[in-house]
C-alpha atoms as a PDB file:
ATOM      1  CA  MET A   1      99.723  88.905  53.100  1.00  0.00           C
ATOM      2  CA  ALA A   2     101.407  92.489  53.209  1.00  0.00           C
ATOM      3  CA  THR A   3     101.755  94.393  56.512  1.00  0.00           C
ATOM      4  CA  THR A   4     102.302  98.234  56.393  1.00  0.00           C
ATOM      5  CA  ILE A   5     104.404  99.653  59.152  1.00  0.00           C
ATOM      6  CA  THR A   6     104.628 103.341  59.764  1.00  0.00           C
ATOM      7  CA  PHE A   7     107.949 104.792  61.130  1.00  0.00           C
ATOM      8  CA  SER A   8     108.202 108.166  62.720  1.00  0.00           C
ATOM      9  CA  PRO A   9     110.759 109.978  64.781  1.00  0.00           C
ATOM     10  CA  ALA A  10     108.085 110.407  67.261  1.00  0.00           C
ATOM     11  CA  LEU A  11     107.380 106.809  67.261  1.00  0.00           C
ATOM     12  CA  PHE A  12     109.117 103.531  67.939  1.00  0.00           C
ATOM     13  CA  TRP A  13     111.272 103.331  68.436  1.00  0.00           C
ATOM     14  CA  PHE A  14     113.056 107.135  66.577  1.00  0.00           C
ATOM     15  CA  PHE A  15     111.478 110.030  67.929  1.00  0.00           C
ATOM     16  CA  VAL A  16     108.575 108.565  68.793  1.00  0.00           C
ATOM     17  CA  PHE A  17     109.777 105.235  67.678  1.00  0.00           C
ATOM     18  CA  PHE A  18     106.805 103.047  66.971  1.00  0.00           C
ATOM     19  CA  PHE A  19     106.943  99.419  66.001  1.00  0.00           C
ATOM     20  CA  SER A  20     104.119  96.971  65.417  1.00  0.00           C
ATOM     21  CA  PHE A  21     105.924  93.869  64.082  1.00  0.00           C
ATOM     22  CA  LEU A  22     104.221  90.615  62.995  1.00  0.00           C
ATOM     23  CA  SER A  23     106.483  87.591  63.622  1.00  0.00           C
ATOM     24  CA  LEU A  24     109.637  89.540  62.416  1.00  0.00           C
ATOM     25  CA  GLN A  25     113.047  87.881  62.211  1.00  0.00           C
ATOM     26  CA  THR A  26     114.544  90.377  64.573  1.00  0.00           C
ATOM     27  CA  ILE A  27     112.592  89.096  67.558  1.00  0.00           C
ATOM     28  CA  SER A  28     115.640  86.768  67.564  1.00  0.00           C
ATOM     29  CA  GLN A  29     119.093  88.343  68.054  1.00  0.00           C
ATOM     30  CA  PRO A  30     120.929  89.133  64.895  1.00  0.00           C
ATOM     31  CA  ASP A  31     124.625  89.801  64.449  1.00  0.00           C
ATOM     32  CA  ARG A  32     123.990  92.833  62.215  1.00  0.00           C
ATOM     33  CA  ALA A  33     121.662  95.641  61.931  1.00  0.00           C
ATOM     34  CA  HIS A  34     118.774  95.673  59.226  1.00  0.00           C
ATOM     35  CA  HIS A  35     118.520  99.002  57.625  1.00  0.00           C
ATOM     36  CA  MET A  36     115.092 100.351  56.805  1.00  0.00           C
ATOM     37  CA  ARG A  37     115.435 103.965  55.745  1.00  0.00           C
ATOM     38  CA  THR A  38     117.734 107.055  55.965  1.00  0.00           C
ATOM     39  CA  VAL A  39     116.222 110.577  55.735  1.00  0.00           C
ATOM     40  CA  CYS A  40     118.568 113.521  55.454  1.00  0.00           C
ATOM     41  CA  ASN A  41     116.703 116.911  55.737  1.00  0.00           C
ATOM     42  CA  ASN A  42     117.719 118.747  52.767  1.00  0.00           C
ATOM     43  CA  GLU A  43     115.673 121.721  53.656  1.00  0.00           C
ATOM     44  CA  SER A  44     117.571 122.305  56.821  1.00  0.00           C
ATOM     45  CA  SER A  45     120.613 124.376  56.982  1.00  0.00           C
ATOM     46  CA  HIS A  46     123.999 122.823  55.765  1.00  0.00           C
ATOM     47  CA  PHE A  47     127.475 122.856  57.160  1.00  0.00           C
ATOM     48  CA  THR A  48     131.022 122.622  55.969  1.00  0.00           C
ATOM     49  CA  GLU A  49     133.756 120.155  56.620  1.00  0.00           C
ATOM     50  CA  TYR A  50     135.754 120.822  59.804  1.00  0.00           C
ATOM     51  CA  SER A  51     133.330 123.665  60.866  1.00  0.00           C
ATOM     52  CA  SER A  52     132.218 123.841  64.461  1.00  0.00           C
ATOM     53  CA  PHE A  53     128.917 121.992  63.692  1.00  0.00           C
ATOM     54  CA  TYR A  54     130.784 119.284  61.865  1.00  0.00           C
ATOM     55  CA  LEU A  55     133.145 118.647  64.822  1.00  0.00           C
ATOM     56  CA  ASN A  56     130.130 118.858  67.248  1.00  0.00           C
ATOM     57  CA  ARG A  57     128.171 116.382  65.143  1.00  0.00           C
ATOM     58  CA  ARG A  58     131.201 113.992  64.935  1.00  0.00           C
ATOM     59  CA  SER A  59     131.584 114.115  68.779  1.00  0.00           C
ATOM     60  CA  THR A  60     127.886 113.554  69.682  1.00  0.00           C
ATOM     61  CA  LEU A  61     127.583 110.701  67.296  1.00  0.00           C
ATOM     62  CA  ALA A  62     130.894 109.089  68.597  1.00  0.00           C
ATOM     63  CA  SER A  63     129.532 109.626  72.210  1.00  0.00           C
ATOM     64  CA  LEU A  64     126.302 107.598  71.190  1.00  0.00           C
ATOM     65  CA  GLN A  65     128.631 104.897  69.768  1.00  0.00           C
ATOM     66  CA  THR A  66     130.813 104.552  72.741  1.00  0.00           C
ATOM     67  CA  ARG A  67     128.151 104.804  75.466  1.00  0.00           C
ATOM     68  CA  SER A  68     126.019 102.124  73.684  1.00  0.00           C
ATOM     69  CA  SER A  69     129.025  99.751  73.913  1.00  0.00           C
ATOM     70  CA  VAL A  70     129.893 100.570  77.434  1.00  0.00           C
ATOM     71  CA  ARG A  71     126.605 100.488  79.354  1.00  0.00           C
ATOM     72  CA  PRO A  72     123.816 100.678  76.603  1.00  0.00           C
ATOM     73  CA  PRO A  73     120.472 101.948  77.914  1.00  0.00           C
ATOM     74  CA  ILE A  74     117.540 101.569  75.796  1.00  0.00           C
ATOM     75  CA  TYR A  75     117.453 105.473  74.969  1.00  0.00           C
ATOM     76  CA  LEU A  76     120.233 108.015  75.221  1.00  0.00           C
ATOM     77  CA  SER A  77     120.323 111.792  74.224  1.00  0.00           C
ATOM     78  CA  VAL A  78     123.592 113.857  73.899  1.00  0.00           C
ATOM     79  CA  THR A  79     124.088 117.573  73.350  1.00  0.00           C
ATOM     80  CA  LYS A  80     127.335 119.181  72.231  1.00  0.00           C
ATOM     81  CA  GLY A  81     128.218 122.857  71.473  1.00  0.00           C
ATOM     82  CA  THR A  82     126.673 126.277  71.780  1.00  0.00           C
ATOM     83  CA  GLY A  83     124.733 128.745  69.879  1.00  0.00           C
ATOM     84  CA  PRO A  84     124.014 127.925  66.152  1.00  0.00           C
ATOM     85  CA  ASP A  85     126.534 125.027  66.262  1.00  0.00           C
ATOM     86  CA  THR A  86     124.764 123.017  68.896  1.00  0.00           C
ATOM     87  CA  VAL A  87     124.125 119.513  67.925  1.00  0.00           C
ATOM     88  CA  PHE A  88     121.367 117.369  69.584  1.00  0.00           C
ATOM     89  CA  ALA A  89     121.573 113.551  69.020  1.00  0.00           C
ATOM     90  CA  MET A  90     119.912 110.596  70.280  1.00  0.00           C
ATOM     91  CA  TYR A  91     119.357 106.788  69.767  1.00  0.00           C
ATOM     92  CA  LEU A  92     116.557 104.663  70.812  1.00  0.00           C
ATOM     93  CA  CYS A  93     116.634 100.688  70.720  1.00  0.00           C
ATOM     94  CA  ARG A  94     113.708  98.362  70.630  1.00  0.00           C
ATOM     95  CA  GLY A  95     112.788  97.202  74.067  1.00  0.00           C
ATOM     96  CA  ASP A  96     112.880  93.525  73.100  1.00  0.00           C
ATOM     97  CA  ILE A  97     116.488  93.238  71.846  1.00  0.00           C
ATOM     98  CA  THR A  98     119.630  92.427  73.944  1.00  0.00           C
ATOM     99  CA  LYS A  99     122.145  95.083  74.895  1.00  0.00           C
ATOM    100  CA  THR A 100     124.608  93.532  72.452  1.00  0.00           C
ATOM    101  CA  THR A 101     122.118  93.860  69.532  1.00  0.00           C
ATOM    102  CA  CYS A 102     121.389  97.415  70.641  1.00  0.00           C
ATOM    103  CA  SER A 103     125.110  98.288  70.595  1.00  0.00           C
ATOM    104  CA  ILE A 104     125.609  96.618  67.120  1.00  0.00           C
ATOM    105  CA  CYS A 105     122.732  98.657  65.721  1.00  0.00           C
ATOM    106  CA  VAL A 106     123.769 102.120  67.225  1.00  0.00           C
ATOM    107  CA  ARG A 107     127.363 101.446  66.089  1.00  0.00           C
ATOM    108  CA  THR A 108     126.191 100.783  62.581  1.00  0.00           C
ATOM    109  CA  ALA A 109     123.641 103.552  62.437  1.00  0.00           C
ATOM    110  CA  THR A 110     125.982 106.303  63.817  1.00  0.00           C
ATOM    111  CA  SER A 111     128.652 105.445  61.120  1.00  0.00           C
ATOM    112  CA  GLU A 112     126.100 105.043  58.220  1.00  0.00           C
ATOM    113  CA  ILE A 113     124.407 108.431  59.049  1.00  0.00           C
ATOM    114  CA  LYS A 114     127.739 110.392  58.758  1.00  0.00           C
ATOM    115  CA  GLU A 115     128.278 108.974  55.328  1.00  0.00           C
ATOM    116  CA  SER A 116     124.604 109.426  54.011  1.00  0.00           C
ATOM    117  CA  CYS A 117     123.904 112.845  55.575  1.00  0.00           C
ATOM    118  CA  THR A 118     127.031 114.341  54.532  1.00  0.00           C
ATOM    119  CA  TYR A 119     126.493 118.114  55.286  1.00  0.00           C
ATOM    120  CA  GLN A 120     122.879 118.323  56.352  1.00  0.00           C
ATOM    121  CA  LYS A 121     122.146 119.737  59.864  1.00  0.00           C
ATOM    122  CA  GLU A 122     119.346 117.105  60.465  1.00  0.00           C
ATOM    123  CA  GLY A 123     119.244 113.474  59.831  1.00  0.00           C
ATOM    124  CA  PHE A 124     117.467 110.431  60.696  1.00  0.00           C
ATOM    125  CA  ILE A 125     118.150 106.599  60.291  1.00  0.00           C
ATOM    126  CA  PHE A 126     115.988 103.818  60.873  1.00  0.00           C
ATOM    127  CA  TYR A 127     116.786 100.112  61.384  1.00  0.00           C
ATOM    128  CA  GLU A 128     114.543  97.307  62.601  1.00  0.00           C
ATOM    129  CA  GLU A 129     116.514  97.260  65.910  1.00  0.00           C
ATOM    130  CA  CYS A 130     117.148 100.988  66.549  1.00  0.00           C
ATOM    131  CA  MET A 131     116.973 104.556  65.421  1.00  0.00           C
ATOM    132  CA  VAL A 132     119.545 107.441  65.545  1.00  0.00           C
ATOM    133  CA  ARG A 133     118.719 111.064  64.923  1.00  0.00           C
ATOM    134  CA  TYR A 134     120.659 114.320  65.199  1.00  0.00           C
ATOM    135  CA  SER A 135     119.733 117.943  64.556  1.00  0.00           C
ATOM    136  CA  ASP A 136     120.602 121.564  65.093  1.00  0.00           C
ATOM    137  CA  THR A 137     117.500 122.142  67.027  1.00  0.00           C
ATOM    138  CA  SER A 138     116.192 120.386  70.155  1.00  0.00           C
ATOM    139  CA  PHE A 139     113.473 117.732  69.483  1.00  0.00           C
ATOM    140  CA  SER A 140     113.149 116.619  73.071  1.00  0.00           C
ATOM    141  CA  GLY A 141     109.476 115.920  73.833  1.00  0.00           C
ATOM    142  CA  LEU A 142     108.229 116.809  70.469  1.00  0.00           C
ATOM    143  CA  LEU A 143     105.978 114.985  67.870  1.00  0.00           C
ATOM    144  CA  GLU A 144     107.703 115.836  64.682  1.00  0.00           C
ATOM    145  CA  GLY A 145     110.019 114.374  61.916  1.00  0.00           C
ATOM    146  CA  PRO A 146     109.509 112.155  58.836  1.00  0.00           C
ATOM    147  CA  LYS A 147     107.248 109.399  58.528  1.00  0.00           C
ATOM    148  CA  PHE A 148     107.324 106.483  55.942  1.00  0.00           C
ATOM    149  CA  ASN A 149     105.803 103.077  55.481  1.00  0.00           C
ATOM    150  CA  VAL A 150     107.569  99.876  54.917  1.00  0.00           C
ATOM    151  CA  ILE A 151     105.744  96.955  53.459  1.00  0.00           C
ATOM    152  CA  LEU A 152     106.483  93.606  54.993  1.00  0.00           C
ATOM    153  CA  HIS A 153     105.302  90.400  53.374  1.00  0.00           C
ATOM    154  CA  SER A 154     104.255  87.575  55.790  1.00  0.00           C
ATOM    155  CA  PRO A 155     104.779  84.011  54.675  1.00  0.00           C
ATOM    156  CA  LYS A 156     101.360  83.218  56.326  1.00  0.00           C
ATOM    157  CA  ASN A 157      98.268  83.542  54.144  1.00  0.00           C
ATOM    158  CA  PHE A 158      94.985  84.502  56.018  1.00  0.00           C
ATOM    159  CA  SER A 159      91.809  83.146  54.827  1.00  0.00           C
ATOM    160  CA  SER A 160      90.056  86.238  56.164  1.00  0.00           C
ATOM    161  CA  THR A 161      92.109  89.507  55.925  1.00  0.00           C
ATOM    162  CA  ILE A 162      89.255  91.366  57.290  1.00  0.00           C
ATOM    163  CA  ARG A 163      89.003  89.315  60.520  1.00  0.00           C
ATOM    164  CA  PHE A 164      92.688  89.610  60.794  1.00  0.00           C
ATOM    165  CA  GLY A 165      92.385  93.481  60.407  1.00  0.00           C
ATOM    166  CA  GLN A 166      89.893  93.703  63.107  1.00  0.00           C
ATOM    167  CA  THR A 167      91.982  91.445  65.483  1.00  0.00           C
ATOM    168  CA  LEU A 168      94.954  93.700  64.748  1.00  0.00           C
ATOM    169  CA  SER A 169      93.030  96.832  65.358  1.00  0.00           C
ATOM    170  CA  ARG A 170      91.594  95.629  68.706  1.00  0.00           C
ATOM    171  CA  LYS A 171      95.130  94.631  69.690  1.00  0.00           C
ATOM    172  CA  MET A 172      96.575  98.072  68.927  1.00  0.00           C
ATOM    173  CA  ASP A 173      93.796  99.835  70.640  1.00  0.00           C
ATOM    174  CA  GLU A 174      94.658  97.883  73.719  1.00  0.00           C
ATOM    175  CA  PHE A 175      98.418  98.254  73.491  1.00  0.00           C
ATOM    176  CA  ILE A 176      98.157 102.165  73.084  1.00  0.00           C
ATOM    177  CA  THR A 177      96.377 102.283  76.531  1.00  0.00           C
ATOM    178  CA  ARG A 178      99.010  99.725  78.080  1.00  0.00           C
ATOM    179  CA  THR A 179     101.928 101.654  76.547  1.00  0.00           C
ATOM    180  CA  VAL A 180     100.972 105.110  77.695  1.00  0.00           C
ATOM    181  CA  SER A 181     100.761 103.942  81.356  1.00  0.00           C
ATOM    182  CA  THR A 182     103.988 101.908  81.284  1.00  0.00           C
ATOM    183  CA  THR A 183     106.245 104.692  82.313  1.00  0.00           C
ATOM    184  CA  SER A 184     108.853 102.921  84.661  1.00  0.00           C
ATOM    185  CA  TRP A 185     112.556 102.493  83.676  1.00  0.00           C
ATOM    186  CA  PRO A 186     114.493 100.583  82.201  1.00  0.00           C
ATOM    187  CA  LYS A 187     111.852 100.177  79.450  1.00  0.00           C
ATOM    188  CA  PRO A 188     109.403 102.969  79.575  1.00  0.00           C
ATOM    189  CA  TYR A 189     106.560 103.197  76.922  1.00  0.00           C
ATOM    190  CA  PHE A 190     107.324  99.643  75.932  1.00  0.00           C
ATOM    191  CA  VAL A 191     104.799  96.725  75.678  1.00  0.00           C
ATOM    192  CA  GLN A 192     105.321  93.401  74.105  1.00  0.00           C
ATOM    193  CA  ASP A 193     103.044  90.478  73.612  1.00  0.00           C
ATOM    194  CA  LYS A 194     102.727  87.047  71.949  1.00  0.00           C
ATOM    195  CA  GLU A 195      99.256  85.488  71.517  1.00  0.00           C
ATOM    196  CA  ARG A 196      98.236  82.370  69.688  1.00  0.00           C
ATOM    197  CA  LEU A 197      95.064  82.870  67.600  1.00  0.00           C
ATOM    198  CA  THR A 198      92.689  80.604  65.700  1.00  0.00           C
ATOM    199  CA  GLU A 199      90.604  82.271  63.012  1.00  0.00           C
ATOM    200  CA  SER A 200      88.605  80.797  60.171  1.00  0.00           C
ATOM    201  CA  GLY A 201      90.090  77.275  60.759  1.00  0.00           C
ATOM    202  CA  SER A 202      93.735  78.435  60.802  1.00  0.00           C
ATOM    203  CA  SER A 203      96.208  79.234  63.734  1.00  0.00           C
ATOM    204  CA  TYR A 204      98.819  81.760  64.032  1.00  0.00           C
ATOM    205  CA  THR A 205     100.932  83.553  66.384  1.00  0.00           C
ATOM    206  CA  LEU A 206     100.568  87.364  66.591  1.00  0.00           C
ATOM    207  CA  ASP A 207     103.864  89.103  68.054  1.00  0.00           C
ATOM    208  CA  THR A 208     103.115  92.704  68.923  1.00  0.00           C
ATOM    209  CA  VAL A 209     105.533  95.430  70.086  1.00  0.00           C
ATOM    210  CA  VAL A 210     104.557  99.029  70.634  1.00  0.00           C
ATOM    211  CA  GLN A 211     107.081 101.627  71.899  1.00  0.00           C
ATOM    212  CA  CYS A 212     107.295 105.457  72.415  1.00  0.00           C
ATOM    213  CA  ARG A 213     110.244 107.598  72.755  1.00  0.00           C
ATOM    214  CA  PRO A 214     110.878 107.969  76.476  1.00  0.00           C
ATOM    215  CA  ASP A 215     111.389 111.705  76.592  1.00  0.00           C
ATOM    216  CA  LEU A 216     107.709 112.175  75.591  1.00  0.00           C
ATOM    217  CA  ASP A 217     104.945 112.827  78.085  1.00  0.00           C
ATOM    218  CA  PRO A 218     102.037 110.445  78.319  1.00  0.00           C
ATOM    219  CA  SER A 219      99.743 112.542  76.248  1.00  0.00           C
ATOM    220  CA  ASN A 220     102.179 112.849  73.394  1.00  0.00           C
ATOM    221  CA  CYS A 221     102.925 109.121  73.437  1.00  0.00           C
ATOM    222  CA  ASP A 222      99.148 108.426  73.234  1.00  0.00           C
ATOM    223  CA  ALA A 223      98.893 110.945  70.203  1.00  0.00           C
ATOM    224  CA  CYS A 224     101.981 109.324  68.554  1.00  0.00           C
END
């Protein structure tokens, strides 16, 4: 069975980061980050090497990397510079991973995005464990950014995909309501659940994770 997962900088986990994972291997703690997609905004402005924007981007990404290792919160935003050379950057880690795994992912992501988005003024990088974003404009509280789908194939075959779809739809409706109302730190807008289900004579465990970016207000999290 194939499961389609939609990622968005407004969801998640990166922007809003949104995850709905069915029995993913990363529920356990990996020693490396699992890359999903990198998006470099070629429609944005570009910068040159060793320009003010170049130096500010390097500084903000280095700050994300360092602070994720020292005392990693689930979400962190950093701003550097003034005027047209200001860089806004952030990371968001999935709420069900350890601080060590979060730090590994952020370090990997910040290094990779510098290599992939060489001179673009806006970039996004998505992993199963975290997301990192930088831009020349503030994105705090906003629902915008690239969306893409990832197809994950489950080793489990369901005798009734229609019934499974109904179960998943019910679960997502329930979790949207719960996620929007879960606003307390250290894991705001994060809900996780594991449920053992029996359908059409077969049993399976449904692992569900839903997460919004903490800088959103409840109405934007709900919309996301």
